[in-house]
Amino acid sequence: MAQHRRLHTAEFKAKVALEAIRGIKTSSELASEYGVHPVQISAWKKLALEGMNDLFSDKRKKTQEDDEALKDRLYQQIGQLQVELEWLKKNLDSSAKDRRLIIGEANTP
């Protein structure tokens, strides 16, 4: 019978990776303790070590600032489009019959 893949939480992965980084126990000992393959523990350890650089950099802060600037720009554009739409609704006092005539005149060669 096929064995199902186990999904581990981020907290579990971080805990195991942190223990592997500390080096108190070997990967094999951690694998038998937590029921995870040693190669998987090494991968989590490598991922944790690579991610540590980002924790202490300004990269995340810049990304958040860029996201906020984009959000502000999009809200401004939405507001502008709403104002333009309202202006068009107010200044376009023609009936459906008039609109059909305008469309018909535009389509005739």
N, C-alpha and C. Protein backbone atom coordinates (compact mmCIF):
# COMPACT_ATOMS: atom_id res chain seq x y z
N MET A 1 0.84 -1.18 0.00
CA MET A 1 0.00 0.00 0.00
C MET A 1 0.89 1.24 0.00
N ALA A 2 0.51 2.22 -0.79
CA ALA A 2 1.31 3.43 -0.92
C ALA A 2 1.24 4.27 0.35
N GLN A 3 2.37 4.85 0.69
CA GLN A 3 2.42 5.69 1.87
C GLN A 3 2.08 7.13 1.48
N HIS A 4 1.25 7.79 2.26
CA HIS A 4 0.83 9.16 1.97
C HIS A 4 1.93 10.13 2.38
N ARG A 5 2.02 11.23 1.64
CA ARG A 5 2.98 12.28 1.98
C ARG A 5 2.51 13.00 3.22
N ARG A 6 3.43 13.22 4.11
CA ARG A 6 3.09 13.97 5.32
C ARG A 6 3.42 15.44 5.08
N LEU A 7 2.53 16.27 5.53
CA LEU A 7 2.74 17.71 5.42
C LEU A 7 3.12 18.23 6.80
N HIS A 8 4.21 18.97 6.85
CA HIS A 8 4.69 19.52 8.11
C HIS A 8 4.42 21.01 8.16
N THR A 9 4.14 21.50 9.34
CA THR A 9 3.90 22.93 9.51
C THR A 9 5.22 23.69 9.45
N ALA A 10 5.10 24.98 9.23
CA ALA A 10 6.29 25.83 9.18
C ALA A 10 7.00 25.84 10.53
N GLU A 11 6.22 25.80 11.62
CA GLU A 11 6.81 25.80 12.95
C GLU A 11 7.64 24.54 13.18
N PHE A 12 7.11 23.40 12.73
CA PHE A 12 7.83 22.14 12.88
C PHE A 12 9.14 22.17 12.09
N LYS A 13 9.06 22.65 10.85
CA LYS A 13 10.25 22.72 10.00
C LYS A 13 11.30 23.64 10.63
N ALA A 14 10.84 24.77 11.15
CA ALA A 14 11.78 25.71 11.77
C ALA A 14 12.43 25.11 13.00
N LYS A 15 11.66 24.39 13.79
CA LYS A 15 12.18 23.76 15.00
C LYS A 15 13.27 22.74 14.65
N VAL A 16 12.98 21.89 13.68
CA VAL A 16 13.94 20.85 13.28
C VAL A 16 15.18 21.50 12.65
N ALA A 17 14.96 22.49 11.79
CA ALA A 17 16.10 23.17 11.15
C ALA A 17 16.97 23.86 12.18
N LEU A 18 16.36 24.48 13.17
CA LEU A 18 17.12 25.17 14.21
C LEU A 18 17.96 24.18 15.02
N GLU A 19 17.39 23.03 15.32
CA GLU A 19 18.16 22.01 16.04
C GLU A 19 19.31 21.50 15.18
N ALA A 20 19.08 21.38 13.88
CA ALA A 20 20.15 20.93 12.98
C ALA A 20 21.25 21.98 12.89
N ILE A 21 20.87 23.25 12.91
CA ILE A 21 21.87 24.33 12.85
C ILE A 21 22.70 24.35 14.12
N ARG A 22 22.05 24.13 15.25
CA ARG A 22 22.79 24.12 16.53
C ARG A 22 23.84 23.02 16.55
N GLY A 23 23.56 21.90 15.91
CA GLY A 23 24.54 20.82 15.79
C GLY A 23 24.71 19.97 17.04
N ILE A 24 23.77 20.04 17.95
CA ILE A 24 23.87 19.21 19.15
C ILE A 24 23.68 17.74 18.80
N LYS A 25 22.76 17.48 17.87
CA LYS A 25 22.51 16.11 17.41
C LYS A 25 22.80 16.04 15.90
N THR A 26 23.11 14.86 15.44
CA THR A 26 23.35 14.67 14.01
C THR A 26 22.02 14.62 13.27
N SER A 27 22.10 14.72 11.95
CA SER A 27 20.89 14.65 11.14
C SER A 27 20.19 13.31 11.30
N SER A 28 20.95 12.26 11.44
CA SER A 28 20.37 10.93 11.62
C SER A 28 19.62 10.83 12.94
N GLU A 29 20.19 11.39 13.99
CA GLU A 29 19.52 11.36 15.29
C GLU A 29 18.23 12.19 15.25
N LEU A 30 18.30 13.35 14.61
CA LEU A 30 17.11 14.18 14.49
C LEU A 30 16.05 13.49 13.63
N ALA A 31 16.50 12.79 12.59
CA ALA A 31 15.58 12.08 11.70
C ALA A 31 14.82 11.00 12.45
N SER A 32 15.52 10.24 13.27
CA SER A 32 14.85 9.18 14.03
C SER A 32 13.95 9.77 15.11
N GLU A 33 14.34 10.90 15.68
CA GLU A 33 13.55 11.54 16.73
C GLU A 33 12.24 12.11 16.18
N TYR A 34 12.31 12.78 15.02
CA TYR A 34 11.14 13.45 14.47
C TYR A 34 10.45 12.69 13.35
N GLY A 35 11.02 11.59 12.92
CA GLY A 35 10.40 10.78 11.87
C GLY A 35 10.47 11.43 10.50
N VAL A 36 11.58 12.12 10.24
CA VAL A 36 11.78 12.80 8.96
C VAL A 36 13.09 12.29 8.37
N HIS A 37 13.17 12.23 7.06
CA HIS A 37 14.39 11.74 6.41
C HIS A 37 15.53 12.74 6.63
N PRO A 38 16.76 12.23 6.83
CA PRO A 38 17.91 13.14 7.04
C PRO A 38 18.15 14.12 5.90
N VAL A 39 17.88 13.71 4.68
CA VAL A 39 18.06 14.60 3.54
C VAL A 39 17.09 15.78 3.63
N GLN A 40 15.87 15.50 4.10
CA GLN A 40 14.88 16.55 4.26
C GLN A 40 15.33 17.55 5.33
N ILE A 41 15.91 17.05 6.40
CA ILE A 41 16.42 17.92 7.46
C ILE A 41 17.54 18.80 6.93
N SER A 42 18.41 18.23 6.13
CA SER A 42 19.50 19.01 5.53
C SER A 42 18.95 20.10 4.61
N ALA A 43 17.90 19.77 3.87
CA ALA A 43 17.29 20.77 2.98
C ALA A 43 16.67 21.91 3.78
N TRP A 44 15.98 21.59 4.88
CA TRP A 44 15.38 22.62 5.72
C TRP A 44 16.47 23.49 6.36
N LYS A 45 17.56 22.85 6.76
CA LYS A 45 18.67 23.58 7.36
C LYS A 45 19.28 24.55 6.35
N LYS A 46 19.48 24.08 5.13
CA LYS A 46 20.04 24.92 4.08
C LYS A 46 19.12 26.09 3.78
N LEU A 47 17.82 25.82 3.69
CA LEU A 47 16.84 26.87 3.43
C LEU A 47 16.82 27.91 4.55
N ALA A 48 16.93 27.45 5.78
CA ALA A 48 16.94 28.36 6.93
C ALA A 48 18.19 29.24 6.90
N LEU A 49 19.32 28.66 6.59
CA LEU A 49 20.56 29.44 6.55
C LEU A 49 20.53 30.47 5.42
N GLU A 50 19.97 30.10 4.29
CA GLU A 50 19.88 31.04 3.17
C GLU A 50 18.91 32.17 3.49
N GLY A 51 17.85 31.87 4.22
CA GLY A 51 16.85 32.87 4.55
C GLY A 51 17.27 33.82 5.64
N MET A 52 18.31 33.49 6.39
CA MET A 52 18.76 34.35 7.48
C MET A 52 19.27 35.70 6.96
N ASN A 53 19.88 35.71 5.79
CA ASN A 53 20.39 36.96 5.23
C ASN A 53 19.27 37.96 5.01
N ASP A 54 18.11 37.47 4.56
CA ASP A 54 16.98 38.35 4.29
C ASP A 54 16.40 38.93 5.57
N LEU A 55 16.54 38.23 6.67
CA LEU A 55 15.98 38.72 7.93
C LEU A 55 16.65 40.00 8.39
N PHE A 56 17.92 40.15 8.08
CA PHE A 56 18.67 41.29 8.55
C PHE A 56 18.92 42.34 7.47
N SER A 57 18.27 42.19 6.33
CA SER A 57 18.47 43.17 5.25
C SER A 57 17.27 44.10 5.17
N ASP A 58 17.43 45.18 4.42
CA ASP A 58 16.36 46.14 4.23
C ASP A 58 15.48 45.75 3.04
N LYS A 59 15.71 44.59 2.48
CA LYS A 59 14.99 44.15 1.30
C LYS A 59 13.49 44.04 1.57
N ARG A 60 13.13 43.46 2.71
CA ARG A 60 11.71 43.30 3.04
C ARG A 60 11.05 44.66 3.23
N LYS A 61 11.75 45.58 3.85
CA LYS A 61 11.20 46.91 4.10
C LYS A 61 10.96 47.63 2.78
N LYS A 62 11.90 47.53 1.86
CA LYS A 62 11.75 48.17 0.56
C LYS A 62 10.58 47.57 -0.21
N THR A 63 10.41 46.27 -0.12
CA THR A 63 9.30 45.61 -0.80
C THR A 63 7.97 46.09 -0.24
N GLN A 64 7.89 46.23 1.07
CA GLN A 64 6.66 46.72 1.69
C GLN A 64 6.38 48.16 1.28
N GLU A 65 7.42 48.99 1.21
CA GLU A 65 7.25 50.38 0.78
C GLU A 65 6.79 50.45 -0.67
N ASP A 66 7.35 49.58 -1.53
CA ASP A 66 6.94 49.53 -2.93
C ASP A 66 5.48 49.11 -3.04
N ASP A 67 5.07 48.15 -2.23
CA ASP A 67 3.68 47.70 -2.25
C ASP A 67 2.74 48.82 -1.81
N GLU A 68 3.12 49.56 -0.80
CA GLU A 68 2.30 50.68 -0.32
C GLU A 68 2.19 51.77 -1.40
N ALA A 69 3.30 52.07 -2.06
CA ALA A 69 3.28 53.09 -3.11
C ALA A 69 2.38 52.65 -4.26
N LEU A 70 2.45 51.38 -4.63
CA LEU A 70 1.61 50.86 -5.70
C LEU A 70 0.14 50.93 -5.30
N LYS A 71 -0.15 50.56 -4.07
CA LYS A 71 -1.52 50.60 -3.58
C LYS A 71 -2.06 52.03 -3.61
N ASP A 72 -1.26 52.99 -3.17
CA ASP A 72 -1.69 54.39 -3.18
C ASP A 72 -1.96 54.87 -4.61
N ARG A 73 -1.08 54.50 -5.54
CA ARG A 73 -1.25 54.88 -6.94
C ARG A 73 -2.53 54.28 -7.52
N LEU A 74 -2.81 53.02 -7.18
CA LEU A 74 -4.01 52.38 -7.70
C LEU A 74 -5.28 52.99 -7.12
N TYR A 75 -5.26 53.33 -5.83
CA TYR A 75 -6.42 53.98 -5.23
C TYR A 75 -6.65 55.35 -5.87
N GLN A 76 -5.59 56.07 -6.16
CA GLN A 76 -5.71 57.37 -6.82
C GLN A 76 -6.33 57.20 -8.20
N GLN A 77 -5.90 56.19 -8.93
CA GLN A 77 -6.43 55.95 -10.26
C GLN A 77 -7.91 55.55 -10.19
N ILE A 78 -8.28 54.75 -9.21
CA ILE A 78 -9.68 54.37 -9.05
C ILE A 78 -10.53 55.60 -8.78
N GLY A 79 -10.05 56.48 -7.90
CA GLY A 79 -10.78 57.71 -7.61
C GLY A 79 -10.95 58.58 -8.84
N GLN A 80 -9.89 58.70 -9.62
CA GLN A 80 -9.95 59.52 -10.83
C GLN A 80 -10.96 58.94 -11.81
N LEU A 81 -10.97 57.63 -11.97
CA LEU A 81 -11.91 57.00 -12.90
C LEU A 81 -13.35 57.17 -12.43
N GLN A 82 -13.57 57.11 -11.13
CA GLN A 82 -14.92 57.31 -10.60
C GLN A 82 -15.38 58.73 -10.85
N VAL A 83 -14.51 59.71 -10.68
CA VAL A 83 -14.87 61.11 -10.95
C VAL A 83 -15.20 61.30 -12.42
N GLU A 84 -14.39 60.71 -13.30
CA GLU A 84 -14.65 60.83 -14.73
C GLU A 84 -15.97 60.18 -15.11
N LEU A 85 -16.28 59.05 -14.52
CA LEU A 85 -17.54 58.36 -14.81
C LEU A 85 -18.73 59.19 -14.35
N GLU A 86 -18.64 59.75 -13.16
CA GLU A 86 -19.73 60.60 -12.66
C GLU A 86 -19.91 61.83 -13.54
N TRP A 87 -18.82 62.41 -14.01
CA TRP A 87 -18.90 63.58 -14.89
C TRP A 87 -19.61 63.22 -16.18
N LEU A 88 -19.26 62.06 -16.73
CA LEU A 88 -19.90 61.62 -17.97
C LEU A 88 -21.39 61.37 -17.76
N LYS A 89 -21.74 60.77 -16.64
CA LYS A 89 -23.16 60.50 -16.36
C LYS A 89 -23.95 61.80 -16.25
N LYS A 90 -23.38 62.82 -15.63
CA LYS A 90 -24.07 64.10 -15.45
C LYS A 90 -24.20 64.86 -16.76
N ASN A 91 -23.17 64.83 -17.58
CA ASN A 91 -23.14 65.63 -18.80
C ASN A 91 -23.70 64.92 -20.02
N LEU A 92 -24.12 63.70 -19.89
CA LEU A 92 -24.67 62.95 -21.01
C LEU A 92 -26.17 62.81 -20.79
N ASP A 93 -26.91 63.89 -21.11
CA ASP A 93 -28.35 63.93 -20.90
C ASP A 93 -29.10 63.54 -22.16
N SER A 94 -28.75 62.45 -22.74
CA SER A 94 -29.45 62.04 -23.94
C SER A 94 -30.25 60.77 -23.65
N SER A 95 -31.32 60.60 -24.37
CA SER A 95 -32.16 59.43 -24.17
C SER A 95 -31.60 58.26 -24.97
N ALA A 96 -32.20 57.12 -24.77
CA ALA A 96 -31.77 55.93 -25.50
C ALA A 96 -31.99 56.11 -27.00
N LYS A 97 -33.07 56.81 -27.36
CA LYS A 97 -33.37 57.05 -28.76
C LYS A 97 -32.27 57.91 -29.42
N ASP A 98 -31.84 58.94 -28.69
CA ASP A 98 -30.76 59.81 -29.20
C ASP A 98 -29.46 59.03 -29.35
N ARG A 99 -29.19 58.18 -28.41
CA ARG A 99 -27.95 57.38 -28.48
C ARG A 99 -27.96 56.45 -29.68
N ARG A 100 -29.14 55.84 -29.96
CA ARG A 100 -29.23 54.97 -31.13
C ARG A 100 -28.99 55.75 -32.41
N LEU A 101 -29.48 56.95 -32.47
CA LEU A 101 -29.26 57.78 -33.66
C LEU A 101 -27.79 58.13 -33.83
N ILE A 102 -27.14 58.45 -32.72
CA ILE A 102 -25.70 58.76 -32.78
C ILE A 102 -24.90 57.56 -33.25
N ILE A 103 -25.24 56.40 -32.70
CA ILE A 103 -24.53 55.17 -33.09
C ILE A 103 -24.81 54.85 -34.55
N GLY A 104 -26.07 55.02 -34.97
CA GLY A 104 -26.42 54.74 -36.36
C GLY A 104 -25.69 55.65 -37.32
N GLU A 105 -25.55 56.94 -36.97
CA GLU A 105 -24.86 57.89 -37.83
C GLU A 105 -23.37 57.55 -37.92
N ALA A 106 -22.79 57.05 -36.84
CA ALA A 106 -21.37 56.70 -36.85
C ALA A 106 -21.10 55.47 -37.70
N ASN A 107 -22.07 54.59 -37.82
CA ASN A 107 -21.88 53.34 -38.57
C ASN A 107 -22.18 53.49 -40.05
N THR A 108 -22.86 54.56 -40.48
CA THR A 108 -23.15 54.72 -41.89
C THR A 108 -21.95 55.31 -42.61
N PRO A 109 -21.63 54.74 -43.76
CA PRO A 109 -20.44 55.21 -44.50
C PRO A 109 -20.64 56.51 -45.21
